[in-house]
């Protein structure tokens, strides 16, 4: 009798677990159709072009865009754009100038990078606010993220500097007209920033 009760409880627990698991899987994003994927591909290309064009003037020179932005669609996440920047290039060492970098040059480059990282986060957030809604083929429960790989030379002072910054926002927030029309500071509160 006691065995039957325990077996019944275990069976009930397993059935409840399976039911909740199947609900979770069915609640997951439905795969996009071929036509939706083609539309999304065009929208990703358009935002990618906007990022590449905009980044040329977004930061005061000198800075170097080492890799153009590329968009990636991840089915259960959304769209990720990645690029690589050198926010404060140091002078080029050559056969004609082999002097090592001075401590002042290294500290100045580090301080410049810290300021530009803050500016870059604000700028990319504003860019997502202005153009993110154009990715209308992406379901609202998915995300849009921009990942910036930050280039540093081995000799640079990198203490306190991230190697990547991630700016992520839900497609639902981008689609919400009130969010887009809100002040930049209000919109930025809905954006996830992550330094790695």
C-alpha atoms as a PDB file:
ATOM      1  CA  UNK A   1       0.000   0.000   0.000  1.00  0.00           C
ATOM      2  CA  UNK A   2       2.770   2.391   0.994  1.00  0.00           C
ATOM      3  CA  UNK A   3       4.697   1.419  -2.161  1.00  0.00           C
ATOM      4  CA  UNK A   4       1.701   2.182  -4.345  1.00  0.00           C
ATOM      5  CA  UNK A   5       1.330   5.608  -2.757  1.00  0.00           C
ATOM      6  CA  UNK A   6       5.035   6.420  -3.264  1.00  0.00           C
ATOM      7  CA  UNK A   7       4.934   5.059  -6.827  1.00  0.00           C
ATOM      8  CA  UNK A   8       1.800   7.123  -7.487  1.00  0.00           C
ATOM      9  CA  UNK A   9       3.449  10.251  -6.119  1.00  0.00           C
ATOM     10  CA  UNK A  10       6.545   9.666  -8.251  1.00  0.00           C
ATOM     11  CA  UNK A  11       4.416   9.036 -11.325  1.00  0.00           C
ATOM     12  CA  UNK A  12       2.425  12.206 -10.639  1.00  0.00           C
ATOM     13  CA  UNK A  13       5.617  14.200 -10.169  1.00  0.00           C
ATOM     14  CA  UNK A  14       7.043  12.860 -13.437  1.00  0.00           C
ATOM     15  CA  UNK A  15       3.845  13.624 -15.355  1.00  0.00           C
ATOM     16  CA  UNK A  16       3.745  17.167 -13.965  1.00  0.00           C
ATOM     17  CA  UNK A  17       7.400  17.632 -14.886  1.00  0.00           C
ATOM     18  CA  UNK A  18       6.808  16.379 -18.419  1.00  0.00           C
ATOM     19  CA  UNK A  19       3.761  18.591 -18.805  1.00  0.00           C
ATOM     20  CA  UNK A  20       5.644  21.687 -17.673  1.00  0.00           C
ATOM     21  CA  UNK A  21       8.597  20.774 -19.898  1.00  0.00           C
ATOM     22  CA  UNK A  22       6.385  20.391 -22.953  1.00  0.00           C
ATOM     23  CA  UNK A  23       4.685  23.721 -22.183  1.00  0.00           C
ATOM     24  CA  UNK A  24       8.090  25.388 -21.898  1.00  0.00           C
ATOM     25  CA  UNK A  25       9.182  23.929 -25.231  1.00  0.00           C
ATOM     26  CA  UNK A  26       5.974  24.934 -26.983  1.00  0.00           C
ATOM     27  CA  UNK A  27       6.260  28.421 -25.479  1.00  0.00           C
ATOM     28  CA  UNK A  28       9.713  28.749 -27.019  1.00  0.00           C
ATOM     29  CA  UNK A  29       9.935  30.881 -30.105  1.00  0.00           C
ATOM     30  CA  UNK A  30       8.458  29.266 -33.185  1.00  0.00           C
ATOM     31  CA  UNK A  31      11.107  28.983 -35.924  1.00  0.00           C
ATOM     32  CA  UNK A  32      10.858  31.646 -38.602  1.00  0.00           C
ATOM     33  CA  UNK A  33       9.613  30.632 -42.036  1.00  0.00           C
ATOM     34  CA  UNK A  34      11.843  30.880 -45.096  1.00  0.00           C
ATOM     35  CA  UNK A  35      10.114  34.108 -46.151  1.00  0.00           C
ATOM     36  CA  UNK A  36      10.527  35.620 -42.658  1.00  0.00           C
ATOM     37  CA  UNK A  37      14.196  34.610 -42.616  1.00  0.00           C
ATOM     38  CA  UNK A  38      14.737  36.267 -46.004  1.00  0.00           C
ATOM     39  CA  UNK A  39      13.094  39.460 -44.733  1.00  0.00           C
ATOM     40  CA  UNK A  40      15.129  39.361 -41.522  1.00  0.00           C
ATOM     41  CA  UNK A  41      18.331  38.793 -43.512  1.00  0.00           C
ATOM     42  CA  UNK A  42      17.672  42.005 -45.443  1.00  0.00           C
ATOM     43  CA  UNK A  43      16.871  43.922 -42.251  1.00  0.00           C
ATOM     44  CA  UNK A  44      20.037  42.637 -40.553  1.00  0.00           C
ATOM     45  CA  UNK A  45      22.072  43.720 -43.593  1.00  0.00           C
ATOM     46  CA  UNK A  46      20.467  47.162 -43.487  1.00  0.00           C
ATOM     47  CA  UNK A  47      21.239  47.654 -39.761  1.00  0.00           C
ATOM     48  CA  UNK A  48      24.747  46.292 -40.319  1.00  0.00           C
ATOM     49  CA  UNK A  49      25.302  48.921 -43.040  1.00  0.00           C
ATOM     50  CA  UNK A  50      23.916  51.618 -40.726  1.00  0.00           C
ATOM     51  CA  UNK A  51      26.329  50.555 -37.970  1.00  0.00           C
ATOM     52  CA  UNK A  52      29.323  50.532 -40.312  1.00  0.00           C
ATOM     53  CA  UNK A  53      28.491  53.924 -41.810  1.00  0.00           C
ATOM     54  CA  UNK A  54      27.633  55.524 -38.474  1.00  0.00           C
ATOM     55  CA  UNK A  55      30.689  54.255 -36.594  1.00  0.00           C
ATOM     56  CA  UNK A  56      32.995  56.101 -39.014  1.00  0.00           C
ATOM     57  CA  UNK A  57      31.895  59.423 -37.481  1.00  0.00           C
ATOM     58  CA  UNK A  58      30.676  58.359 -34.042  1.00  0.00           C
ATOM     59  CA  UNK A  59      33.989  58.656 -32.225  1.00  0.00           C
ATOM     60  CA  UNK A  60      36.562  61.425 -32.469  1.00  0.00           C
ATOM     61  CA  UNK A  61      39.697  60.391 -34.295  1.00  0.00           C
ATOM     62  CA  UNK A  62      42.127  58.793 -33.867  1.00  0.00           C
ATOM     63  CA  UNK A  63      40.344  55.468 -33.569  1.00  0.00           C
ATOM     64  CA  UNK A  64      40.355  52.415 -35.786  1.00  0.00           C
ATOM     65  CA  UNK A  65      37.526  50.178 -36.917  1.00  0.00           C
ATOM     66  CA  UNK A  66      39.411  46.904 -37.257  1.00  0.00           C
ATOM     67  CA  UNK A  67      36.415  44.795 -38.291  1.00  0.00           C
ATOM     68  CA  UNK A  68      33.177  45.989 -39.838  1.00  0.00           C
ATOM     69  CA  UNK A  69      29.975  45.092 -38.032  1.00  0.00           C
ATOM     70  CA  UNK A  70      28.577  41.686 -38.946  1.00  0.00           C
ATOM     71  CA  UNK A  71      25.111  40.465 -38.005  1.00  0.00           C
ATOM     72  CA  UNK A  72      24.352  36.957 -36.772  1.00  0.00           C
ATOM     73  CA  UNK A  73      20.886  35.452 -36.256  1.00  0.00           C
ATOM     74  CA  UNK A  74      20.624  33.026 -33.331  1.00  0.00           C
ATOM     75  CA  UNK A  75      17.195  31.299 -33.395  1.00  0.00           C
ATOM     76  CA  UNK A  76      16.399  31.316 -29.661  1.00  0.00           C
ATOM     77  CA  UNK A  77      18.190  34.576 -28.833  1.00  0.00           C
ATOM     78  CA  UNK A  78      17.748  37.056 -31.659  1.00  0.00           C
ATOM     79  CA  UNK A  79      20.281  39.046 -33.645  1.00  0.00           C
ATOM     80  CA  UNK A  80      23.834  39.848 -32.560  1.00  0.00           C
ATOM     81  CA  UNK A  81      26.064  42.365 -34.315  1.00  0.00           C
ATOM     82  CA  UNK A  82      29.774  42.204 -33.613  1.00  0.00           C
ATOM     83  CA  UNK A  83      32.703  44.416 -34.560  1.00  0.00           C
ATOM     84  CA  UNK A  84      36.224  45.186 -33.396  1.00  0.00           C
ATOM     85  CA  UNK A  85      37.494  48.669 -32.550  1.00  0.00           C
ATOM     86  CA  UNK A  86      40.694  50.220 -31.300  1.00  0.00           C
ATOM     87  CA  UNK A  87      39.377  53.208 -29.385  1.00  0.00           C
ATOM     88  CA  UNK A  88      42.768  54.903 -28.913  1.00  0.00           C
ATOM     89  CA  UNK A  89      45.541  53.695 -31.220  1.00  0.00           C
ATOM     90  CA  UNK A  90      49.077  54.336 -30.027  1.00  0.00           C
ATOM     91  CA  UNK A  91      51.760  55.681 -32.345  1.00  0.00           C
ATOM     92  CA  UNK A  92      53.055  53.084 -34.774  1.00  0.00           C
ATOM     93  CA  UNK A  93      56.395  51.543 -33.937  1.00  0.00           C
ATOM     94  CA  UNK A  94      58.588  51.164 -36.999  1.00  0.00           C
ATOM     95  CA  UNK A  95      62.191  50.618 -38.029  1.00  0.00           C
ATOM     96  CA  UNK A  96      62.559  54.408 -38.047  1.00  0.00           C
ATOM     97  CA  UNK A  97      61.034  54.915 -34.584  1.00  0.00           C
ATOM     98  CA  UNK A  98      61.663  52.034 -32.210  1.00  0.00           C
ATOM     99  CA  UNK A  99      61.291  54.023 -28.988  1.00  0.00           C
ATOM    100  CA  UNK A 100      59.120  52.115 -26.520  1.00  0.00           C
ATOM    101  CA  UNK A 101      55.863  53.706 -25.462  1.00  0.00           C
ATOM    102  CA  UNK A 102      56.244  56.075 -22.537  1.00  0.00           C
ATOM    103  CA  UNK A 103      54.240  55.625 -19.358  1.00  0.00           C
ATOM    104  CA  UNK A 104      52.450  58.879 -20.172  1.00  0.00           C
ATOM    105  CA  UNK A 105      51.402  57.572 -23.621  1.00  0.00           C
ATOM    106  CA  UNK A 106      50.109  54.337 -22.103  1.00  0.00           C
ATOM    107  CA  UNK A 107      48.133  56.105 -19.364  1.00  0.00           C
ATOM    108  CA  UNK A 108      46.715  58.632 -21.840  1.00  0.00           C
ATOM    109  CA  UNK A 109      45.558  55.811 -24.141  1.00  0.00           C
ATOM    110  CA  UNK A 110      43.909  54.015 -21.202  1.00  0.00           C
ATOM    111  CA  UNK A 111      42.116  57.182 -20.015  1.00  0.00           C
ATOM    112  CA  UNK A 112      40.961  57.928 -23.565  1.00  0.00           C
ATOM    113  CA  UNK A 113      39.603  54.395 -23.913  1.00  0.00           C
ATOM    114  CA  UNK A 114      37.638  54.662 -20.652  1.00  0.00           C
ATOM    115  CA  UNK A 115      35.961  57.878 -21.826  1.00  0.00           C
ATOM    116  CA  UNK A 116      35.254  56.460 -25.287  1.00  0.00           C
ATOM    117  CA  UNK A 117      33.753  53.263 -23.869  1.00  0.00           C
ATOM    118  CA  UNK A 118      31.131  55.360 -22.052  1.00  0.00           C
ATOM    119  CA  UNK A 119      30.508  57.399 -25.214  1.00  0.00           C
ATOM    120  CA  UNK A 120      30.287  54.229 -27.311  1.00  0.00           C
ATOM    121  CA  UNK A 121      27.695  52.643 -25.020  1.00  0.00           C
ATOM    122  CA  UNK A 122      25.519  55.762 -25.198  1.00  0.00           C
ATOM    123  CA  UNK A 123      25.952  56.062 -28.950  1.00  0.00           C
ATOM    124  CA  UNK A 124      25.101  52.418 -29.687  1.00  0.00           C
ATOM    125  CA  UNK A 125      22.090  52.619 -27.374  1.00  0.00           C
ATOM    126  CA  UNK A 126      20.885  55.702 -29.280  1.00  0.00           C
ATOM    127  CA  UNK A 127      21.471  53.912 -32.582  1.00  0.00           C
ATOM    128  CA  UNK A 128      19.409  50.924 -31.425  1.00  0.00           C
ATOM    129  CA  UNK A 129      16.673  53.295 -30.268  1.00  0.00           C
ATOM    130  CA  UNK A 130      16.616  55.069 -33.637  1.00  0.00           C
ATOM    131  CA  UNK A 131      16.930  52.057 -35.970  1.00  0.00           C
ATOM    132  CA  UNK A 132      16.215  48.886 -33.970  1.00  0.00           C
ATOM    133  CA  UNK A 133      12.507  48.919 -34.796  1.00  0.00           C
ATOM    134  CA  UNK A 134      13.431  48.401 -38.447  1.00  0.00           C
ATOM    135  CA  UNK A 135      14.127  44.732 -37.649  1.00  0.00           C
ATOM    136  CA  UNK A 136      10.401  44.035 -37.703  1.00  0.00           C
ATOM    137  CA  UNK A 137      10.806  40.410 -38.866  1.00  0.00           C
ATOM    138  CA  UNK A 138      12.374  39.516 -35.510  1.00  0.00           C
ATOM    139  CA  UNK A 139       9.783  38.298 -32.965  1.00  0.00           C
ATOM    140  CA  UNK A 140       9.265  40.678 -29.996  1.00  0.00           C
ATOM    141  CA  UNK A 141      10.326  38.052 -27.431  1.00  0.00           C
ATOM    142  CA  UNK A 142      13.833  37.876 -28.936  1.00  0.00           C
ATOM    143  CA  UNK A 143      16.742  40.290 -28.500  1.00  0.00           C
ATOM    144  CA  UNK A 144      19.093  42.528 -30.414  1.00  0.00           C
ATOM    145  CA  UNK A 145      22.662  42.863 -29.149  1.00  0.00           C
ATOM    146  CA  UNK A 146      25.764  44.706 -30.282  1.00  0.00           C
ATOM    147  CA  UNK A 147      29.088  43.253 -29.164  1.00  0.00           C
ATOM    148  CA  UNK A 148      32.216  45.363 -29.539  1.00  0.00           C
ATOM    149  CA  UNK A 149      35.580  43.649 -29.213  1.00  0.00           C
ATOM    150  CA  UNK A 150      38.110  46.174 -27.919  1.00  0.00           C
ATOM    151  CA  UNK A 151      41.628  45.863 -29.286  1.00  0.00           C
ATOM    152  CA  UNK A 152      44.548  46.407 -26.909  1.00  0.00           C
ATOM    153  CA  UNK A 153      48.257  45.927 -27.503  1.00  0.00           C
ATOM    154  CA  UNK A 154      50.063  43.600 -25.077  1.00  0.00           C
ATOM    155  CA  UNK A 155      52.088  46.567 -23.783  1.00  0.00           C
ATOM    156  CA  UNK A 156      49.022  48.706 -22.971  1.00  0.00           C
ATOM    157  CA  UNK A 157      47.733  49.399 -19.473  1.00  0.00           C
ATOM    158  CA  UNK A 158      44.503  47.393 -19.530  1.00  0.00           C
ATOM    159  CA  UNK A 159      43.677  47.265 -15.808  1.00  0.00           C
ATOM    160  CA  UNK A 160      40.001  48.167 -15.504  1.00  0.00           C
ATOM    161  CA  UNK A 161      39.429  47.954 -19.260  1.00  0.00           C
ATOM    162  CA  UNK A 162      37.027  45.367 -20.684  1.00  0.00           C
ATOM    163  CA  UNK A 163      37.956  43.337 -23.742  1.00  0.00           C
ATOM    164  CA  UNK A 164      34.324  43.360 -24.914  1.00  0.00           C
ATOM    165  CA  UNK A 165      31.254  45.451 -24.308  1.00  0.00           C
ATOM    166  CA  UNK A 166      27.763  44.121 -24.911  1.00  0.00           C
ATOM    167  CA  UNK A 167      24.657  46.258 -25.407  1.00  0.00           C
ATOM    168  CA  UNK A 168      21.471  44.169 -25.423  1.00  0.00           C
ATOM    169  CA  UNK A 169      17.806  45.099 -25.655  1.00  0.00           C
ATOM    170  CA  UNK A 170      14.621  43.155 -26.239  1.00  0.00           C
ATOM    171  CA  UNK A 171      13.017  43.453 -29.676  1.00  0.00           C
ATOM    172  CA  UNK A 172       9.758  44.174 -27.829  1.00  0.00           C
ATOM    173  CA  UNK A 173      11.283  47.332 -26.328  1.00  0.00           C
ATOM    174  CA  UNK A 174      12.559  48.382 -29.759  1.00  0.00           C
ATOM    175  CA  UNK A 175       9.104  47.850 -31.265  1.00  0.00           C
ATOM    176  CA  UNK A 176       7.386  49.877 -28.512  1.00  0.00           C
ATOM    177  CA  UNK A 177       6.828  53.391 -29.851  1.00  0.00           C
ATOM    178  CA  UNK A 178       6.667  54.862 -26.333  1.00  0.00           C
ATOM    179  CA  UNK A 179      10.102  53.416 -25.531  1.00  0.00           C
ATOM    180  CA  UNK A 180      11.595  54.840 -28.704  1.00  0.00           C
ATOM    181  CA  UNK A 181      10.037  58.252 -28.122  1.00  0.00           C
ATOM    182  CA  UNK A 182      11.152  58.407 -24.487  1.00  0.00           C
ATOM    183  CA  UNK A 183      14.196  60.435 -23.532  1.00  0.00           C
ATOM    184  CA  UNK A 184      17.524  58.751 -24.229  1.00  0.00           C
ATOM    185  CA  UNK A 185      18.160  58.275 -20.501  1.00  0.00           C
ATOM    186  CA  UNK A 186      14.796  56.522 -20.041  1.00  0.00           C
ATOM    187  CA  UNK A 187      15.456  54.231 -22.994  1.00  0.00           C
ATOM    188  CA  UNK A 188      18.936  53.380 -21.674  1.00  0.00           C
ATOM    189  CA  UNK A 189      17.353  52.084 -18.465  1.00  0.00           C
ATOM    190  CA  UNK A 190      15.757  49.306 -20.552  1.00  0.00           C
ATOM    191  CA  UNK A 191      19.064  48.329 -22.146  1.00  0.00           C
ATOM    192  CA  UNK A 192      21.409  45.745 -20.642  1.00  0.00           C
ATOM    193  CA  UNK A 193      25.076  46.738 -20.614  1.00  0.00           C
ATOM    194  CA  UNK A 194      27.734  44.138 -19.921  1.00  0.00           C
ATOM    195  CA  UNK A 195      31.500  44.552 -19.837  1.00  0.00           C
ATOM    196  CA  UNK A 196      33.601  41.452 -20.231  1.00  0.00           C
END
